[in-house]
Amino acid sequence: MLRLARLANKKDRLTAADVWVTEVIDHGFFHSIYAFDPNGIPIEFSHNVEGIDIRKNPVMADSAPSAVTREGAEPQLDKWPQVESPTTLEDRRVYPGDGSELWHRKNSLESRG
């Protein structure tokens, strides 16, 4: 119950901070709450259910698993198509995302000493 109490506490704290958060969701072997961080990125807080360790005895309970699911959990590297025209070094670009201006500003200030 300690884990569920901690998850409920996290939900209460998010609610008190006026952050939208779901109710506790039971996924069978773990419980979760979902919210969004200040940048609008979805986040999940979760904990495993005591006494259930899916890693010890994994069970496929889907009565009609898709063909991809039946391939298993291991990477299927041979399923990727061959790259016909890779991006050249000259055409490779990195575009700024949210927060990059803060990181680059901090680093440039530190380099000035």
C-alpha atoms as a PDB file:
ATOM      1  CA  MET A   1       0.000   0.000   0.000  1.00  0.00           C
ATOM      2  CA  LEU A   2       2.963   2.341   0.469  1.00  0.00           C
ATOM      3  CA  ARG A   3       3.485   2.569  -3.298  1.00  0.00           C
ATOM      4  CA  LEU A   4      -0.173   3.380  -3.940  1.00  0.00           C
ATOM      5  CA  ALA A   5      -0.066   5.981  -1.159  1.00  0.00           C
ATOM      6  CA  ARG A   6       2.961   7.617  -2.786  1.00  0.00           C
ATOM      7  CA  LEU A   7       1.188   7.695  -6.157  1.00  0.00           C
ATOM      8  CA  ALA A   8      -1.941   9.180  -4.558  1.00  0.00           C
ATOM      9  CA  ASN A   9       0.250  11.767  -2.822  1.00  0.00           C
ATOM     10  CA  LYS A  10       1.827  12.705  -6.170  1.00  0.00           C
ATOM     11  CA  LYS A  11      -1.669  13.075  -7.666  1.00  0.00           C
ATOM     12  CA  ASP A  12      -2.751  15.305  -4.754  1.00  0.00           C
ATOM     13  CA  ARG A  13       0.349  17.483  -5.117  1.00  0.00           C
ATOM     14  CA  LEU A  14      -0.207  17.920  -8.850  1.00  0.00           C
ATOM     15  CA  THR A  15      -3.867  18.759  -8.265  1.00  0.00           C
ATOM     16  CA  ALA A  16      -2.914  21.292  -5.572  1.00  0.00           C
ATOM     17  CA  ALA A  17      -0.528  22.891  -8.073  1.00  0.00           C
ATOM     18  CA  ASP A  18      -3.450  23.197 -10.525  1.00  0.00           C
ATOM     19  CA  VAL A  19      -1.888  20.641 -12.899  1.00  0.00           C
ATOM     20  CA  TRP A  20      -4.340  18.438 -14.792  1.00  0.00           C
ATOM     21  CA  VAL A  21      -3.839  14.801 -13.770  1.00  0.00           C
ATOM     22  CA  THR A  22      -5.767  11.578 -14.344  1.00  0.00           C
ATOM     23  CA  GLU A  23      -7.206   9.318 -11.715  1.00  0.00           C
ATOM     24  CA  VAL A  24      -5.034   6.328 -10.762  1.00  0.00           C
ATOM     25  CA  ILE A  25      -5.213   3.823 -13.628  1.00  0.00           C
ATOM     26  CA  ASP A  26      -4.900   0.078 -12.934  1.00  0.00           C
ATOM     27  CA  HIS A  27      -2.957  -1.675 -15.717  1.00  0.00           C
ATOM     28  CA  GLY A  28      -3.040  -5.032 -13.936  1.00  0.00           C
ATOM     29  CA  PHE A  29       0.617  -5.247 -12.939  1.00  0.00           C
ATOM     30  CA  PHE A  30       1.254  -1.525 -12.422  1.00  0.00           C
ATOM     31  CA  HIS A  31      -0.695   1.615 -11.523  1.00  0.00           C
ATOM     32  CA  SER A  32      -0.225   4.990 -13.219  1.00  0.00           C
ATOM     33  CA  ILE A  33      -1.268   8.609 -13.263  1.00  0.00           C
ATOM     34  CA  TYR A  34      -0.794  10.814 -16.303  1.00  0.00           C
ATOM     35  CA  ALA A  35      -0.241  14.566 -16.574  1.00  0.00           C
ATOM     36  CA  PHE A  36       1.593  17.120 -18.718  1.00  0.00           C
ATOM     37  CA  ASP A  37       4.791  18.917 -17.764  1.00  0.00           C
ATOM     38  CA  PRO A  38       4.979  22.743 -18.074  1.00  0.00           C
ATOM     39  CA  ASN A  39       6.084  22.366 -21.718  1.00  0.00           C
ATOM     40  CA  GLY A  40       3.014  20.284 -22.562  1.00  0.00           C
ATOM     41  CA  ILE A  41       4.946  17.015 -22.742  1.00  0.00           C
ATOM     42  CA  PRO A  42       2.932  14.024 -21.488  1.00  0.00           C
ATOM     43  CA  ILE A  43       4.391  12.382 -18.378  1.00  0.00           C
ATOM     44  CA  GLU A  44       3.536   9.226 -16.486  1.00  0.00           C
ATOM     45  CA  PHE A  45       4.118   8.396 -12.835  1.00  0.00           C
ATOM     46  CA  SER A  46       3.745   4.703 -12.068  1.00  0.00           C
ATOM     47  CA  HIS A  47       4.576   1.902  -9.672  1.00  0.00           C
ATOM     48  CA  ASN A  48       4.441  -1.856  -9.936  1.00  0.00           C
ATOM     49  CA  VAL A  49       1.785  -3.771  -8.037  1.00  0.00           C
ATOM     50  CA  GLU A  50       3.297  -5.629  -5.108  1.00  0.00           C
ATOM     51  CA  GLY A  51       3.308  -9.379  -5.562  1.00  0.00           C
ATOM     52  CA  ILE A  52       3.051  -9.231  -9.360  1.00  0.00           C
ATOM     53  CA  ASP A  53       6.294  -9.504 -11.328  1.00  0.00           C
ATOM     54  CA  ILE A  54       5.478  -9.735 -15.017  1.00  0.00           C
ATOM     55  CA  ARG A  55       9.157 -10.378 -15.782  1.00  0.00           C
ATOM     56  CA  LYS A  56       9.146 -13.716 -13.926  1.00  0.00           C
ATOM     57  CA  ASN A  57       6.134 -15.142 -15.749  1.00  0.00           C
ATOM     58  CA  PRO A  58       5.269 -13.027 -18.788  1.00  0.00           C
ATOM     59  CA  VAL A  59       1.823 -13.770 -20.150  1.00  0.00           C
ATOM     60  CA  MET A  60       0.377 -12.876 -23.546  1.00  0.00           C
ATOM     61  CA  ALA A  61      -3.308 -12.510 -22.812  1.00  0.00           C
ATOM     62  CA  ASP A  62      -4.420 -10.886 -26.084  1.00  0.00           C
ATOM     63  CA  SER A  63      -6.869 -13.280 -27.749  1.00  0.00           C
ATOM     64  CA  ALA A  64      -6.048 -11.881 -31.203  1.00  0.00           C
ATOM     65  CA  PRO A  65      -2.495 -10.455 -31.184  1.00  0.00           C
ATOM     66  CA  SER A  66      -1.359  -8.664 -34.319  1.00  0.00           C
ATOM     67  CA  ALA A  67       1.304 -10.159 -36.588  1.00  0.00           C
ATOM     68  CA  VAL A  68       3.836  -7.618 -35.282  1.00  0.00           C
ATOM     69  CA  THR A  69       3.037  -8.595 -31.684  1.00  0.00           C
ATOM     70  CA  ARG A  70       3.526 -12.286 -32.492  1.00  0.00           C
ATOM     71  CA  GLU A  71       7.073 -11.483 -33.705  1.00  0.00           C
ATOM     72  CA  GLY A  72       8.068 -11.000 -30.069  1.00  0.00           C
ATOM     73  CA  ALA A  73       9.785  -8.355 -27.972  1.00  0.00           C
ATOM     74  CA  GLU A  74      13.269  -8.613 -29.495  1.00  0.00           C
ATOM     75  CA  PRO A  75      14.328  -6.070 -32.145  1.00  0.00           C
ATOM     76  CA  GLN A  76      13.600  -7.207 -35.702  1.00  0.00           C
ATOM     77  CA  LEU A  77      16.459  -5.429 -37.458  1.00  0.00           C
ATOM     78  CA  ASP A  78      15.888  -7.301 -40.721  1.00  0.00           C
ATOM     79  CA  LYS A  79      12.430  -5.688 -40.979  1.00  0.00           C
ATOM     80  CA  TRP A  80      13.820  -2.208 -41.684  1.00  0.00           C
ATOM     81  CA  PRO A  81      14.160  -1.277 -45.355  1.00  0.00           C
ATOM     82  CA  GLN A  82      17.605  -0.651 -46.802  1.00  0.00           C
ATOM     83  CA  VAL A  83      18.523   3.061 -46.869  1.00  0.00           C
ATOM     84  CA  GLU A  84      18.804   4.015 -50.540  1.00  0.00           C
ATOM     85  CA  SER A  85      19.990   7.625 -50.204  1.00  0.00           C
ATOM     86  CA  PRO A  86      21.449   8.557 -46.805  1.00  0.00           C
ATOM     87  CA  THR A  87      21.514  12.214 -45.730  1.00  0.00           C
ATOM     88  CA  THR A  88      24.828  13.765 -46.704  1.00  0.00           C
ATOM     89  CA  LEU A  89      27.019  15.450 -44.095  1.00  0.00           C
ATOM     90  CA  GLU A  90      26.328  18.817 -45.737  1.00  0.00           C
ATOM     91  CA  ASP A  91      22.540  18.313 -45.470  1.00  0.00           C
ATOM     92  CA  ARG A  92      22.449  17.238 -41.831  1.00  0.00           C
ATOM     93  CA  ARG A  93      20.759  19.878 -39.663  1.00  0.00           C
ATOM     94  CA  VAL A  94      19.865  20.273 -36.003  1.00  0.00           C
ATOM     95  CA  TYR A  95      16.909  22.543 -35.363  1.00  0.00           C
ATOM     96  CA  PRO A  96      16.337  24.379 -32.079  1.00  0.00           C
ATOM     97  CA  GLY A  97      13.596  23.020 -29.856  1.00  0.00           C
ATOM     98  CA  ASP A  98      11.941  24.379 -26.740  1.00  0.00           C
ATOM     99  CA  GLY A  99      14.570  25.013 -24.096  1.00  0.00           C
ATOM    100  CA  SER A 100      17.569  24.963 -26.432  1.00  0.00           C
ATOM    101  CA  GLU A 101      17.943  28.728 -26.145  1.00  0.00           C
ATOM    102  CA  LEU A 102      18.316  28.391 -22.377  1.00  0.00           C
ATOM    103  CA  TRP A 103      20.987  25.714 -22.611  1.00  0.00           C
ATOM    104  CA  HIS A 104      22.999  27.509 -25.285  1.00  0.00           C
ATOM    105  CA  ARG A 105      22.738  30.822 -23.400  1.00  0.00           C
ATOM    106  CA  LYS A 106      23.930  29.162 -20.171  1.00  0.00           C
ATOM    107  CA  ASN A 107      26.891  27.509 -21.951  1.00  0.00           C
ATOM    108  CA  SER A 108      27.917  30.719 -23.715  1.00  0.00           C
ATOM    109  CA  LEU A 109      27.820  32.618 -20.381  1.00  0.00           C
ATOM    110  CA  GLU A 110      29.955  29.929 -18.714  1.00  0.00           C
ATOM    111  CA  SER A 111      32.508  30.021 -21.538  1.00  0.00           C
ATOM    112  CA  ARG A 112      32.958  33.781 -21.028  1.00  0.00           C
ATOM    113  CA  GLY A 113      34.016  33.060 -17.463  1.00  0.00           C
END
